[in-house]
Amino acid sequence: MSKRENDSFSVKDLMQSFIKENNLSKGMQKIKVEETWAKMMGPGVATHTTSVKLQNKTLVIQLTSSVLREELSYGKDKIIKMMNEEIGEDVISKLMLV
């Protein structure tokens, strides 16, 4: 009969190692960015957002309202900073509102 090891791991640590081993970090970042956009901007902005894409450290947001697009363009640097802080790493360096 083999002995059981008493090493315990948290689910978070196991998931992070699984993501790292299978090169899934970029995909997970994209999902995290989409979730963070909806959370940070609130339901008002989220309803006018048609797509959220992360392409080479550029966050591309497609909006249905030109007025909202103009308003958000004034705070691009603040949005980038808030999103990166919420995600926990510098994933976004540029924001495009289309």
N, C-alpha and C. Protein backbone atom coordinates (compact mmCIF):
# COMPACT_ATOMS: atom_id res chain seq x y z
N MET A 1 0.83 -1.17 0.00
CA MET A 1 0.00 0.00 0.00
C MET A 1 0.89 1.25 0.00
N SER A 2 0.62 2.15 -0.92
CA SER A 2 1.46 3.35 -1.02
C SER A 2 1.00 4.42 -0.05
N LYS A 3 1.96 5.23 0.38
CA LYS A 3 1.64 6.30 1.31
C LYS A 3 1.09 7.50 0.55
N ARG A 4 0.23 8.18 1.20
CA ARG A 4 -0.37 9.37 0.64
C ARG A 4 0.45 10.59 1.05
N GLU A 5 0.68 11.49 0.13
CA GLU A 5 1.41 12.70 0.49
C GLU A 5 0.43 13.72 1.06
N ASN A 6 0.89 14.47 2.03
CA ASN A 6 0.04 15.44 2.69
C ASN A 6 0.19 16.85 2.11
N ASP A 7 0.76 16.96 0.95
CA ASP A 7 0.88 18.28 0.33
C ASP A 7 -0.50 18.75 -0.11
N SER A 8 -0.85 19.96 0.30
CA SER A 8 -2.14 20.49 -0.10
C SER A 8 -1.91 21.73 -0.97
N PHE A 9 -2.72 21.88 -1.98
CA PHE A 9 -2.60 22.99 -2.90
C PHE A 9 -3.95 23.68 -2.99
N SER A 10 -3.91 24.99 -3.16
CA SER A 10 -5.17 25.70 -3.34
C SER A 10 -5.62 25.55 -4.79
N VAL A 11 -6.90 25.68 -5.01
CA VAL A 11 -7.45 25.57 -6.36
C VAL A 11 -6.87 26.67 -7.25
N LYS A 12 -6.68 27.85 -6.69
CA LYS A 12 -6.11 28.97 -7.44
C LYS A 12 -4.72 28.63 -7.96
N ASP A 13 -3.87 28.06 -7.08
CA ASP A 13 -2.52 27.69 -7.50
C ASP A 13 -2.54 26.61 -8.58
N LEU A 14 -3.42 25.64 -8.42
CA LEU A 14 -3.53 24.57 -9.41
C LEU A 14 -3.98 25.11 -10.77
N MET A 15 -4.97 26.03 -10.75
CA MET A 15 -5.46 26.62 -12.00
C MET A 15 -4.37 27.44 -12.67
N GLN A 16 -3.62 28.22 -11.89
CA GLN A 16 -2.57 29.04 -12.47
C GLN A 16 -1.48 28.18 -13.10
N SER A 17 -1.12 27.09 -12.47
CA SER A 17 -0.10 26.21 -13.05
C SER A 17 -0.64 25.51 -14.30
N PHE A 18 -1.92 25.14 -14.30
CA PHE A 18 -2.53 24.53 -15.48
C PHE A 18 -2.54 25.51 -16.66
N ILE A 19 -2.92 26.76 -16.39
CA ILE A 19 -2.96 27.79 -17.43
C ILE A 19 -1.56 28.04 -17.99
N LYS A 20 -0.57 28.08 -17.11
CA LYS A 20 0.81 28.33 -17.53
C LYS A 20 1.35 27.17 -18.37
N GLU A 21 1.11 25.95 -17.93
CA GLU A 21 1.61 24.76 -18.62
C GLU A 21 1.00 24.60 -20.01
N ASN A 22 -0.25 25.02 -20.18
CA ASN A 22 -0.94 24.84 -21.45
C ASN A 22 -0.99 26.10 -22.32
N ASN A 23 -0.19 27.10 -21.97
CA ASN A 23 -0.12 28.36 -22.73
C ASN A 23 -1.49 28.99 -22.96
N LEU A 24 -2.27 29.10 -21.91
CA LEU A 24 -3.61 29.67 -22.01
C LEU A 24 -3.68 31.09 -21.45
N SER A 25 -2.55 31.68 -21.09
CA SER A 25 -2.57 32.96 -20.40
C SER A 25 -3.11 34.09 -21.26
N LYS A 26 -2.80 34.10 -22.56
CA LYS A 26 -3.31 35.17 -23.42
C LYS A 26 -4.83 35.10 -23.55
N GLY A 27 -5.37 33.93 -23.69
CA GLY A 27 -6.81 33.76 -23.78
C GLY A 27 -7.50 34.14 -22.48
N MET A 28 -6.88 33.80 -21.37
CA MET A 28 -7.45 34.16 -20.08
C MET A 28 -7.41 35.67 -19.87
N GLN A 29 -6.35 36.32 -20.37
CA GLN A 29 -6.27 37.78 -20.28
C GLN A 29 -7.40 38.43 -21.07
N LYS A 30 -7.69 37.91 -22.23
CA LYS A 30 -8.76 38.47 -23.06
C LYS A 30 -10.11 38.35 -22.35
N ILE A 31 -10.35 37.22 -21.73
CA ILE A 31 -11.60 37.02 -21.00
C ILE A 31 -11.67 37.98 -19.81
N LYS A 32 -10.56 38.12 -19.10
CA LYS A 32 -10.50 39.00 -17.94
C LYS A 32 -10.75 40.45 -18.35
N VAL A 33 -10.21 40.86 -19.51
CA VAL A 33 -10.40 42.22 -20.00
C VAL A 33 -11.88 42.48 -20.30
N GLU A 34 -12.54 41.54 -20.93
CA GLU A 34 -13.96 41.69 -21.24
C GLU A 34 -14.79 41.82 -19.97
N GLU A 35 -14.51 40.98 -18.99
CA GLU A 35 -15.24 41.03 -17.73
C GLU A 35 -14.96 42.34 -16.99
N THR A 36 -13.72 42.78 -17.02
CA THR A 36 -13.33 44.01 -16.32
C THR A 36 -13.98 45.23 -16.95
N TRP A 37 -14.09 45.25 -18.29
CA TRP A 37 -14.73 46.37 -18.97
C TRP A 37 -16.18 46.53 -18.50
N ALA A 38 -16.91 45.44 -18.49
CA ALA A 38 -18.31 45.48 -18.07
C ALA A 38 -18.43 45.89 -16.60
N LYS A 39 -17.52 45.40 -15.77
CA LYS A 39 -17.55 45.71 -14.34
C LYS A 39 -17.19 47.17 -14.07
N MET A 40 -16.13 47.66 -14.70
CA MET A 40 -15.63 49.01 -14.43
C MET A 40 -16.53 50.10 -15.03
N MET A 41 -17.10 49.84 -16.19
CA MET A 41 -17.88 50.87 -16.88
C MET A 41 -19.35 50.87 -16.47
N GLY A 42 -19.81 49.78 -15.91
CA GLY A 42 -21.18 49.72 -15.45
C GLY A 42 -22.16 49.32 -16.53
N PRO A 43 -23.41 49.10 -16.15
CA PRO A 43 -24.41 48.60 -17.10
C PRO A 43 -24.78 49.61 -18.20
N GLY A 44 -24.68 50.91 -17.91
CA GLY A 44 -25.02 51.92 -18.91
C GLY A 44 -24.11 51.86 -20.12
N VAL A 45 -22.82 51.78 -19.88
CA VAL A 45 -21.85 51.70 -20.97
C VAL A 45 -21.86 50.30 -21.58
N ALA A 46 -22.04 49.28 -20.76
CA ALA A 46 -22.02 47.90 -21.24
C ALA A 46 -23.15 47.64 -22.26
N THR A 47 -24.29 48.30 -22.09
CA THR A 47 -25.39 48.11 -23.03
C THR A 47 -25.09 48.71 -24.40
N HIS A 48 -24.23 49.72 -24.45
CA HIS A 48 -23.86 50.35 -25.72
C HIS A 48 -22.57 49.77 -26.30
N THR A 49 -22.00 48.77 -25.65
CA THR A 49 -20.77 48.13 -26.11
C THR A 49 -21.13 46.88 -26.92
N THR A 50 -20.64 46.83 -28.17
CA THR A 50 -20.93 45.66 -29.00
C THR A 50 -19.79 44.65 -29.00
N SER A 51 -18.54 45.12 -28.84
CA SER A 51 -17.44 44.16 -28.75
C SER A 51 -16.27 44.75 -27.98
N VAL A 52 -15.56 43.86 -27.28
CA VAL A 52 -14.36 44.20 -26.51
C VAL A 52 -13.28 43.23 -26.94
N LYS A 53 -12.21 43.77 -27.54
CA LYS A 53 -11.13 42.91 -28.03
C LYS A 53 -9.79 43.42 -27.54
N LEU A 54 -8.91 42.51 -27.22
CA LEU A 54 -7.54 42.85 -26.84
C LEU A 54 -6.62 42.33 -27.93
N GLN A 55 -5.94 43.26 -28.60
CA GLN A 55 -5.05 42.89 -29.70
C GLN A 55 -3.70 43.57 -29.49
N ASN A 56 -2.68 42.79 -29.17
CA ASN A 56 -1.32 43.31 -28.99
C ASN A 56 -1.27 44.51 -28.05
N LYS A 57 -1.79 44.35 -26.86
CA LYS A 57 -1.81 45.39 -25.82
C LYS A 57 -2.67 46.59 -26.18
N THR A 58 -3.49 46.47 -27.22
CA THR A 58 -4.43 47.52 -27.59
C THR A 58 -5.83 47.02 -27.33
N LEU A 59 -6.57 47.77 -26.52
CA LEU A 59 -7.95 47.42 -26.21
C LEU A 59 -8.84 48.13 -27.23
N VAL A 60 -9.57 47.35 -28.02
CA VAL A 60 -10.46 47.89 -29.05
C VAL A 60 -11.89 47.71 -28.58
N ILE A 61 -12.57 48.83 -28.38
CA ILE A 61 -13.95 48.83 -27.89
C ILE A 61 -14.84 49.35 -29.00
N GLN A 62 -15.85 48.56 -29.36
CA GLN A 62 -16.81 48.98 -30.37
C GLN A 62 -18.09 49.40 -29.66
N LEU A 63 -18.50 50.66 -29.92
CA LEU A 63 -19.67 51.24 -29.26
C LEU A 63 -20.74 51.59 -30.27
N THR A 64 -21.99 51.57 -29.81
CA THR A 64 -23.11 51.91 -30.69
C THR A 64 -23.47 53.39 -30.61
N SER A 65 -22.97 54.09 -29.61
CA SER A 65 -23.31 55.49 -29.40
C SER A 65 -22.10 56.39 -29.67
N SER A 66 -22.24 57.30 -30.64
CA SER A 66 -21.15 58.22 -30.95
C SER A 66 -20.94 59.23 -29.82
N VAL A 67 -22.00 59.59 -29.13
CA VAL A 67 -21.89 60.52 -28.00
C VAL A 67 -21.08 59.87 -26.87
N LEU A 68 -21.37 58.63 -26.56
CA LEU A 68 -20.64 57.90 -25.53
C LEU A 68 -19.18 57.73 -25.94
N ARG A 69 -18.94 57.44 -27.20
CA ARG A 69 -17.58 57.28 -27.71
C ARG A 69 -16.78 58.56 -27.48
N GLU A 70 -17.38 59.69 -27.76
CA GLU A 70 -16.72 60.99 -27.57
C GLU A 70 -16.45 61.25 -26.10
N GLU A 71 -17.41 60.98 -25.25
CA GLU A 71 -17.24 61.18 -23.80
C GLU A 71 -16.12 60.30 -23.24
N LEU A 72 -16.09 59.04 -23.64
CA LEU A 72 -15.06 58.13 -23.14
C LEU A 72 -13.68 58.48 -23.67
N SER A 73 -13.62 59.09 -24.85
CA SER A 73 -12.32 59.43 -25.44
C SER A 73 -11.56 60.46 -24.60
N TYR A 74 -12.28 61.27 -23.81
CA TYR A 74 -11.62 62.26 -22.96
C TYR A 74 -10.89 61.61 -21.79
N GLY A 75 -11.27 60.43 -21.39
CA GLY A 75 -10.66 59.77 -20.24
C GLY A 75 -9.92 58.50 -20.59
N LYS A 76 -9.33 58.41 -21.78
CA LYS A 76 -8.66 57.17 -22.21
C LYS A 76 -7.56 56.75 -21.25
N ASP A 77 -6.70 57.70 -20.84
CA ASP A 77 -5.59 57.35 -19.96
C ASP A 77 -6.09 56.82 -18.61
N LYS A 78 -7.14 57.44 -18.11
CA LYS A 78 -7.71 57.00 -16.83
C LYS A 78 -8.33 55.61 -16.96
N ILE A 79 -8.99 55.35 -18.07
CA ILE A 79 -9.60 54.04 -18.30
C ILE A 79 -8.53 52.96 -18.38
N ILE A 80 -7.45 53.24 -19.10
CA ILE A 80 -6.33 52.28 -19.22
C ILE A 80 -5.75 51.98 -17.85
N LYS A 81 -5.52 53.03 -17.07
CA LYS A 81 -4.94 52.86 -15.73
C LYS A 81 -5.87 52.04 -14.84
N MET A 82 -7.16 52.36 -14.83
CA MET A 82 -8.13 51.63 -14.00
C MET A 82 -8.23 50.17 -14.41
N MET A 83 -8.26 49.91 -15.71
CA MET A 83 -8.37 48.53 -16.20
C MET A 83 -7.14 47.72 -15.80
N ASN A 84 -5.95 48.29 -15.99
CA ASN A 84 -4.72 47.57 -15.64
C ASN A 84 -4.65 47.30 -14.14
N GLU A 85 -5.09 48.26 -13.32
CA GLU A 85 -5.09 48.05 -11.87
C GLU A 85 -6.05 46.93 -11.48
N GLU A 86 -7.20 46.91 -12.10
CA GLU A 86 -8.20 45.88 -11.78
C GLU A 86 -7.73 44.49 -12.21
N ILE A 87 -7.07 44.42 -13.37
CA ILE A 87 -6.57 43.13 -13.87
C ILE A 87 -5.37 42.67 -13.05
N GLY A 88 -4.55 43.62 -12.60
CA GLY A 88 -3.41 43.26 -11.77
C GLY A 88 -2.09 43.21 -12.51
N GLU A 89 -2.10 43.56 -13.78
CA GLU A 89 -0.87 43.61 -14.58
C GLU A 89 -1.09 44.56 -15.75
N ASP A 90 0.01 45.03 -16.34
CA ASP A 90 -0.08 45.96 -17.47
C ASP A 90 -0.37 45.20 -18.76
N VAL A 91 -1.64 44.98 -19.01
CA VAL A 91 -2.08 44.25 -20.19
C VAL A 91 -2.42 45.23 -21.31
N ILE A 92 -2.88 46.41 -20.96
CA ILE A 92 -3.37 47.40 -21.93
C ILE A 92 -2.42 48.59 -21.96
N SER A 93 -1.99 48.98 -23.16
CA SER A 93 -1.17 50.18 -23.30
C SER A 93 -1.85 51.24 -24.17
N LYS A 94 -2.87 50.83 -24.93
CA LYS A 94 -3.55 51.76 -25.83
C LYS A 94 -5.04 51.40 -25.85
N LEU A 95 -5.89 52.43 -26.01
CA LEU A 95 -7.33 52.22 -26.07
C LEU A 95 -7.87 52.84 -27.35
N MET A 96 -8.60 52.03 -28.13
CA MET A 96 -9.25 52.52 -29.34
C MET A 96 -10.74 52.37 -29.18
N LEU A 97 -11.46 53.48 -29.39
CA LEU A 97 -12.92 53.46 -29.33
C LEU A 97 -13.44 53.61 -30.74
N VAL A 98 -14.12 52.59 -31.23
CA VAL A 98 -14.65 52.63 -32.62
C VAL A 98 -16.13 52.43 -32.63
